[in-house]
Amino acid sequence: MIESYFSIFKRGTRGTYQHCAEKQLHRYLNEFDFRHNNRIAVGVNDTMRAEKLAAGIKDMRLTY
């Protein structure tokens, strides 16, 4: 279980982000936690994932 989570995190940090500042690490981990818990292997398709993402950002404000 932890190996699959770490592999998703590692691919994202090396491929997309390339650097994770310690100050923002909790934000990156939250994103990869969402990706891991909402993947096809656990029965969540792209449409369902997009709906969950949209529901999670409703009434949210970016504070930085």
PDB file of N, CA and C in Angstrom:
ATOM      1  N   MET A   1       0.823  -1.194   0.000  1.00  0.00           N
ATOM      2  CA  MET A   1       0.000   0.000   0.000  1.00  0.00           C
ATOM      3  C   MET A   1       0.863   1.252   0.000  1.00  0.00           C
ATOM      4  N   ILE A   2       1.812   1.341   0.917  1.00  0.00           N
ATOM      5  CA  ILE A   2       2.653   2.529   0.984  1.00  0.00           C
ATOM      6  C   ILE A   2       3.537   2.637  -0.247  1.00  0.00           C
ATOM      7  N   GLU A   3       3.901   1.491  -0.838  1.00  0.00           N
ATOM      8  CA  GLU A   3       4.731   1.514  -2.040  1.00  0.00           C
ATOM      9  C   GLU A   3       4.002   2.168  -3.202  1.00  0.00           C
ATOM     10  N   SER A   4       2.715   1.878  -3.365  1.00  0.00           N
ATOM     11  CA  SER A   4       1.967   2.476  -4.469  1.00  0.00           C
ATOM     12  C   SER A   4       1.772   3.979  -4.249  1.00  0.00           C
ATOM     13  N   TYR A   5       1.535   4.388  -3.011  1.00  0.00           N
ATOM     14  CA  TYR A   5       1.403   5.819  -2.714  1.00  0.00           C
ATOM     15  C   TYR A   5       2.714   6.533  -3.003  1.00  0.00           C
ATOM     16  N   PHE A   6       3.813   5.939  -2.536  1.00  0.00           N
ATOM     17  CA  PHE A   6       5.112   6.572  -2.737  1.00  0.00           C
ATOM     18  C   PHE A   6       5.474   6.630  -4.218  1.00  0.00           C
ATOM     19  N   SER A   7       5.102   5.621  -4.981  1.00  0.00           N
ATOM     20  CA  SER A   7       5.424   5.649  -6.410  1.00  0.00           C
ATOM     21  C   SER A   7       4.656   6.760  -7.127  1.00  0.00           C
ATOM     22  N   ILE A   8       3.398   6.994  -6.750  1.00  0.00           N
ATOM     23  CA  ILE A   8       2.624   8.099  -7.338  1.00  0.00           C
ATOM     24  C   ILE A   8       3.263   9.439  -6.950  1.00  0.00           C
ATOM     25  N   PHE A   9       3.656   9.570  -5.697  1.00  0.00           N
ATOM     26  CA  PHE A   9       4.304  10.801  -5.237  1.00  0.00           C
ATOM     27  C   PHE A   9       5.641  11.020  -5.946  1.00  0.00           C
ATOM     28  N   LYS A  10       6.428   9.963  -6.057  1.00  0.00           N
ATOM     29  CA  LYS A  10       7.739  10.069  -6.687  1.00  0.00           C
ATOM     30  C   LYS A  10       7.627  10.449  -8.169  1.00  0.00           C
ATOM     31  N   ARG A  11       6.678   9.827  -8.882  1.00  0.00           N
ATOM     32  CA  ARG A  11       6.485  10.178 -10.294  1.00  0.00           C
ATOM     33  C   ARG A  11       6.055  11.628 -10.455  1.00  0.00           C
ATOM     34  N   GLY A  12       5.220  12.106  -9.574  1.00  0.00           N
ATOM     35  CA  GLY A  12       4.769  13.491  -9.657  1.00  0.00           C
ATOM     36  C   GLY A  12       5.858  14.482  -9.336  1.00  0.00           C
ATOM     37  N   THR A  13       6.644  14.195  -8.312  1.00  0.00           N
ATOM     38  CA  THR A  13       7.697  15.144  -7.940  1.00  0.00           C
ATOM     39  C   THR A  13       8.825  15.151  -8.956  1.00  0.00           C
ATOM     40  N   ARG A  14       9.128  14.034  -9.553  1.00  0.00           N
ATOM     41  CA  ARG A  14      10.198  14.002 -10.550  1.00  0.00           C
ATOM     42  C   ARG A  14       9.711  14.436 -11.925  1.00  0.00           C
ATOM     43  N   GLY A  15       8.444  14.185 -12.231  1.00  0.00           N
ATOM     44  CA  GLY A  15       7.941  14.485 -13.557  1.00  0.00           C
ATOM     45  C   GLY A  15       7.297  15.846 -13.676  1.00  0.00           C
ATOM     46  N   THR A  16       6.333  16.142 -12.828  1.00  0.00           N
ATOM     47  CA  THR A  16       5.562  17.377 -12.960  1.00  0.00           C
ATOM     48  C   THR A  16       6.173  18.532 -12.182  1.00  0.00           C
ATOM     49  N   TYR A  17       6.435  18.340 -10.910  1.00  0.00           N
ATOM     50  CA  TYR A  17       6.831  19.443 -10.049  1.00  0.00           C
ATOM     51  C   TYR A  17       8.337  19.626  -9.947  1.00  0.00           C
ATOM     52  N   GLN A  18       9.100  18.564  -9.958  1.00  0.00           N
ATOM     53  CA  GLN A  18      10.559  18.525  -9.940  1.00  0.00           C
ATOM     54  C   GLN A  18      11.191  19.071  -8.664  1.00  0.00           C
ATOM     55  N   HIS A  19      10.470  19.798  -7.870  1.00  0.00           N
ATOM     56  CA  HIS A  19      10.981  20.260  -6.584  1.00  0.00           C
ATOM     57  C   HIS A  19       9.804  20.560  -5.667  1.00  0.00           C
ATOM     58  N   CYS A  20       9.886  20.082  -4.452  1.00  0.00           N
ATOM     59  CA  CYS A  20       8.847  20.349  -3.454  1.00  0.00           C
ATOM     60  C   CYS A  20       9.491  21.065  -2.280  1.00  0.00           C
ATOM     61  N   ALA A  21       9.146  22.309  -2.095  1.00  0.00           N
ATOM     62  CA  ALA A  21       9.660  23.058  -0.957  1.00  0.00           C
ATOM     63  C   ALA A  21       9.044  22.494   0.326  1.00  0.00           C
ATOM     64  N   GLU A  22       9.823  22.460   1.371  1.00  0.00           N
ATOM     65  CA  GLU A  22       9.332  21.928   2.644  1.00  0.00           C
ATOM     66  C   GLU A  22       8.128  22.714   3.148  1.00  0.00           C
ATOM     67  N   LYS A  23       8.120  24.007   2.893  1.00  0.00           N
ATOM     68  CA  LYS A  23       7.019  24.859   3.331  1.00  0.00           C
ATOM     69  C   LYS A  23       5.691  24.448   2.687  1.00  0.00           C
ATOM     70  N   GLN A  24       5.736  23.966   1.440  1.00  0.00           N
ATOM     71  CA  GLN A  24       4.526  23.591   0.702  1.00  0.00           C
ATOM     72  C   GLN A  24       4.304  22.077   0.637  1.00  0.00           C
ATOM     73  N   LEU A  25       5.139  21.296   1.294  1.00  0.00           N
ATOM     74  CA  LEU A  25       5.070  19.839   1.188  1.00  0.00           C
ATOM     75  C   LEU A  25       3.698  19.288   1.558  1.00  0.00           C
ATOM     76  N   HIS A  26       3.051  19.855   2.564  1.00  0.00           N
ATOM     77  CA  HIS A  26       1.734  19.361   2.969  1.00  0.00           C
ATOM     78  C   HIS A  26       0.712  19.508   1.844  1.00  0.00           C
ATOM     79  N   ARG A  27       0.843  20.530   1.026  1.00  0.00           N
ATOM     80  CA  ARG A  27      -0.074  20.717  -0.104  1.00  0.00           C
ATOM     81  C   ARG A  27       0.146  19.658  -1.175  1.00  0.00           C
ATOM     82  N   TYR A  28       1.414  19.369  -1.467  1.00  0.00           N
ATOM     83  CA  TYR A  28       1.723  18.315  -2.432  1.00  0.00           C
ATOM     84  C   TYR A  28       1.212  16.965  -1.932  1.00  0.00           C
ATOM     85  N   LEU A  29       1.434  16.675  -0.660  1.00  0.00           N
ATOM     86  CA  LEU A  29       0.984  15.399  -0.103  1.00  0.00           C
ATOM     87  C   LEU A  29      -0.534  15.283  -0.140  1.00  0.00           C
ATOM     88  N   ASN A  30      -1.251  16.370   0.117  1.00  0.00           N
ATOM     89  CA  ASN A  30      -2.714  16.344   0.012  1.00  0.00           C
ATOM     90  C   ASN A  30      -3.166  16.028  -1.403  1.00  0.00           C
ATOM     91  N   GLU A  31      -2.494  16.616  -2.391  1.00  0.00           N
ATOM     92  CA  GLU A  31      -2.853  16.342  -3.776  1.00  0.00           C
ATOM     93  C   GLU A  31      -2.621  14.882  -4.132  1.00  0.00           C
ATOM     94  N   PHE A  32      -1.474  14.336  -3.754  1.00  0.00           N
ATOM     95  CA  PHE A  32      -1.180  12.952  -4.087  1.00  0.00           C
ATOM     96  C   PHE A  32      -2.032  11.985  -3.277  1.00  0.00           C
ATOM     97  N   ASP A  33      -2.445  12.386  -2.093  1.00  0.00           N
ATOM     98  CA  ASP A  33      -3.378  11.580  -1.315  1.00  0.00           C
ATOM     99  C   ASP A  33      -4.713  11.483  -2.053  1.00  0.00           C
ATOM    100  N   PHE A  34      -5.192  12.604  -2.590  1.00  0.00           N
ATOM    101  CA  PHE A  34      -6.423  12.606  -3.374  1.00  0.00           C
ATOM    102  C   PHE A  34      -6.275  11.710  -4.602  1.00  0.00           C
ATOM    103  N   ARG A  35      -5.149  11.829  -5.297  1.00  0.00           N
ATOM    104  CA  ARG A  35      -4.925  11.004  -6.489  1.00  0.00           C
ATOM    105  C   ARG A  35      -4.918   9.516  -6.156  1.00  0.00           C
ATOM    106  N   HIS A  36      -4.268   9.167  -5.050  1.00  0.00           N
ATOM    107  CA  HIS A  36      -4.168   7.760  -4.669  1.00  0.00           C
ATOM    108  C   HIS A  36      -5.523   7.191  -4.255  1.00  0.00           C
ATOM    109  N   ASN A  37      -6.302   7.964  -3.540  1.00  0.00           N
ATOM    110  CA  ASN A  37      -7.593   7.485  -3.059  1.00  0.00           C
ATOM    111  C   ASN A  37      -8.696   7.543  -4.105  1.00  0.00           C
ATOM    112  N   ASN A  38      -8.439   8.200  -5.226  1.00  0.00           N
ATOM    113  CA  ASN A  38      -9.447   8.347  -6.276  1.00  0.00           C
ATOM    114  C   ASN A  38      -8.881   7.902  -7.621  1.00  0.00           C
ATOM    115  N   ARG A  39      -8.352   6.698  -7.663  1.00  0.00           N
ATOM    116  CA  ARG A  39      -7.782   6.175  -8.903  1.00  0.00           C
ATOM    117  C   ARG A  39      -8.664   5.050  -9.439  1.00  0.00           C
ATOM    118  N   ILE A  40      -8.398   4.657 -10.662  1.00  0.00           N
ATOM    119  CA  ILE A  40      -9.206   3.633 -11.325  1.00  0.00           C
ATOM    120  C   ILE A  40      -9.145   2.303 -10.580  1.00  0.00           C
ATOM    121  N   ALA A  41      -8.016   1.988  -9.972  1.00  0.00           N
ATOM    122  CA  ALA A  41      -7.861   0.711  -9.263  1.00  0.00           C
ATOM    123  C   ALA A  41      -8.835   0.559  -8.097  1.00  0.00           C
ATOM    124  N   VAL A  42      -9.338   1.649  -7.559  1.00  0.00           N
ATOM    125  CA  VAL A  42     -10.315   1.574  -6.461  1.00  0.00           C
ATOM    126  C   VAL A  42     -11.716   1.887  -6.945  1.00  0.00           C
ATOM    127  N   GLY A  43     -11.902   1.934  -8.280  1.00  0.00           N
ATOM    128  CA  GLY A  43     -13.235   2.074  -8.849  1.00  0.00           C
ATOM    129  C   GLY A  43     -13.698   3.491  -9.130  1.00  0.00           C
ATOM    130  N   VAL A  44     -12.786   4.432  -9.184  1.00  0.00           N
ATOM    131  CA  VAL A  44     -13.157   5.825  -9.453  1.00  0.00           C
ATOM    132  C   VAL A  44     -12.702   6.164 -10.875  1.00  0.00           C
ATOM    133  N   ASN A  45     -13.646   6.499 -11.739  1.00  0.00           N
ATOM    134  CA  ASN A  45     -13.272   6.860 -13.108  1.00  0.00           C
ATOM    135  C   ASN A  45     -13.013   8.367 -13.203  1.00  0.00           C
ATOM    136  N   ASP A  46     -12.648   8.833 -14.397  1.00  0.00           N
ATOM    137  CA  ASP A  46     -12.278  10.237 -14.576  1.00  0.00           C
ATOM    138  C   ASP A  46     -13.425  11.192 -14.258  1.00  0.00           C
ATOM    139  N   THR A  47     -14.632  10.837 -14.651  1.00  0.00           N
ATOM    140  CA  THR A  47     -15.786  11.698 -14.393  1.00  0.00           C
ATOM    141  C   THR A  47     -16.050  11.824 -12.897  1.00  0.00           C
ATOM    142  N   MET A  48     -16.028  10.712 -12.191  1.00  0.00           N
ATOM    143  CA  MET A  48     -16.253  10.730 -10.745  1.00  0.00           C
ATOM    144  C   MET A  48     -15.165  11.541 -10.037  1.00  0.00           C
ATOM    145  N   ARG A  49     -13.914  11.384 -10.487  1.00  0.00           N
ATOM    146  CA  ARG A  49     -12.802  12.112  -9.885  1.00  0.00           C
ATOM    147  C   ARG A  49     -12.973  13.619 -10.105  1.00  0.00           C
ATOM    148  N   ALA A  50     -13.378  14.029 -11.303  1.00  0.00           N
ATOM    149  CA  ALA A  50     -13.590  15.453 -11.594  1.00  0.00           C
ATOM    150  C   ALA A  50     -14.716  16.018 -10.736  1.00  0.00           C
ATOM    151  N   GLU A  51     -15.784  15.248 -10.542  1.00  0.00           N
ATOM    152  CA  GLU A  51     -16.889  15.707  -9.700  1.00  0.00           C
ATOM    153  C   GLU A  51     -16.448  15.873  -8.252  1.00  0.00           C
ATOM    154  N   LYS A  52     -15.649  14.940  -7.734  1.00  0.00           N
ATOM    155  CA  LYS A  52     -15.146  15.059  -6.364  1.00  0.00           C
ATOM    156  C   LYS A  52     -14.230  16.266  -6.221  1.00  0.00           C
ATOM    157  N   LEU A  53     -13.407  16.479  -7.229  1.00  0.00           N
ATOM    158  CA  LEU A  53     -12.501  17.621  -7.202  1.00  0.00           C
ATOM    159  C   LEU A  53     -13.288  18.924  -7.195  1.00  0.00           C
ATOM    160  N   ALA A  54     -14.293  19.035  -8.057  1.00  0.00           N
ATOM    161  CA  ALA A  54     -15.112  20.250  -8.123  1.00  0.00           C
ATOM    162  C   ALA A  54     -15.871  20.468  -6.816  1.00  0.00           C
ATOM    163  N   ALA A  55     -16.366  19.392  -6.216  1.00  0.00           N
ATOM    164  CA  ALA A  55     -17.081  19.526  -4.945  1.00  0.00           C
ATOM    165  C   ALA A  55     -16.143  19.970  -3.831  1.00  0.00           C
ATOM    166  N   GLY A  56     -14.875  19.558  -3.903  1.00  0.00           N
ATOM    167  CA  GLY A  56     -13.909  19.914  -2.867  1.00  0.00           C
ATOM    168  C   GLY A  56     -13.437  21.349  -2.927  1.00  0.00           C
ATOM    169  N   ILE A  57     -13.556  21.994  -4.085  1.00  0.00           N
ATOM    170  CA  ILE A  57     -13.080  23.370  -4.198  1.00  0.00           C
ATOM    171  C   ILE A  57     -14.203  24.398  -4.129  1.00  0.00           C
ATOM    172  N   LYS A  58     -15.421  23.931  -4.009  1.00  0.00           N
ATOM    173  CA  LYS A  58     -16.549  24.850  -3.918  1.00  0.00           C
ATOM    174  C   LYS A  58     -16.421  25.701  -2.655  1.00  0.00           C
ATOM    175  N   ASP A  59     -16.597  26.991  -2.803  1.00  0.00           N
ATOM    176  CA  ASP A  59     -16.549  27.961  -1.705  1.00  0.00           C
ATOM    177  C   ASP A  59     -15.181  28.018  -1.018  1.00  0.00           C
ATOM    178  N   MET A  60     -14.111  27.624  -1.720  1.00  0.00           N
ATOM    179  CA  MET A  60     -12.768  27.704  -1.169  1.00  0.00           C
ATOM    180  C   MET A  60     -12.099  28.953  -1.717  1.00  0.00           C
ATOM    181  N   ARG A  61     -11.201  29.497  -0.939  1.00  0.00           N
ATOM    182  CA  ARG A  61     -10.484  30.697  -1.329  1.00  0.00           C
ATOM    183  C   ARG A  61      -8.999  30.444  -1.198  1.00  0.00           C
ATOM    184  N   LEU A  62      -8.252  30.823  -2.205  1.00  0.00           N
ATOM    185  CA  LEU A  62      -6.812  30.681  -2.177  1.00  0.00           C
ATOM    186  C   LEU A  62      -6.234  31.792  -1.303  1.00  0.00           C
ATOM    187  N   THR A  63      -5.459  31.440  -0.287  1.00  0.00           N
ATOM    188  CA  THR A  63      -5.029  32.427   0.692  1.00  0.00           C
ATOM    189  C   THR A  63      -3.561  32.806   0.594  1.00  0.00           C
ATOM    190  N   TYR A  64      -2.891  32.419  -0.459  1.00  0.00           N
ATOM    191  CA  TYR A  64      -1.480  32.802  -0.578  1.00  0.00           C
ATOM    192  C   TYR A  64      -1.177  33.326  -1.947  1.00  0.00           C
TER     193      TYR A  64
END
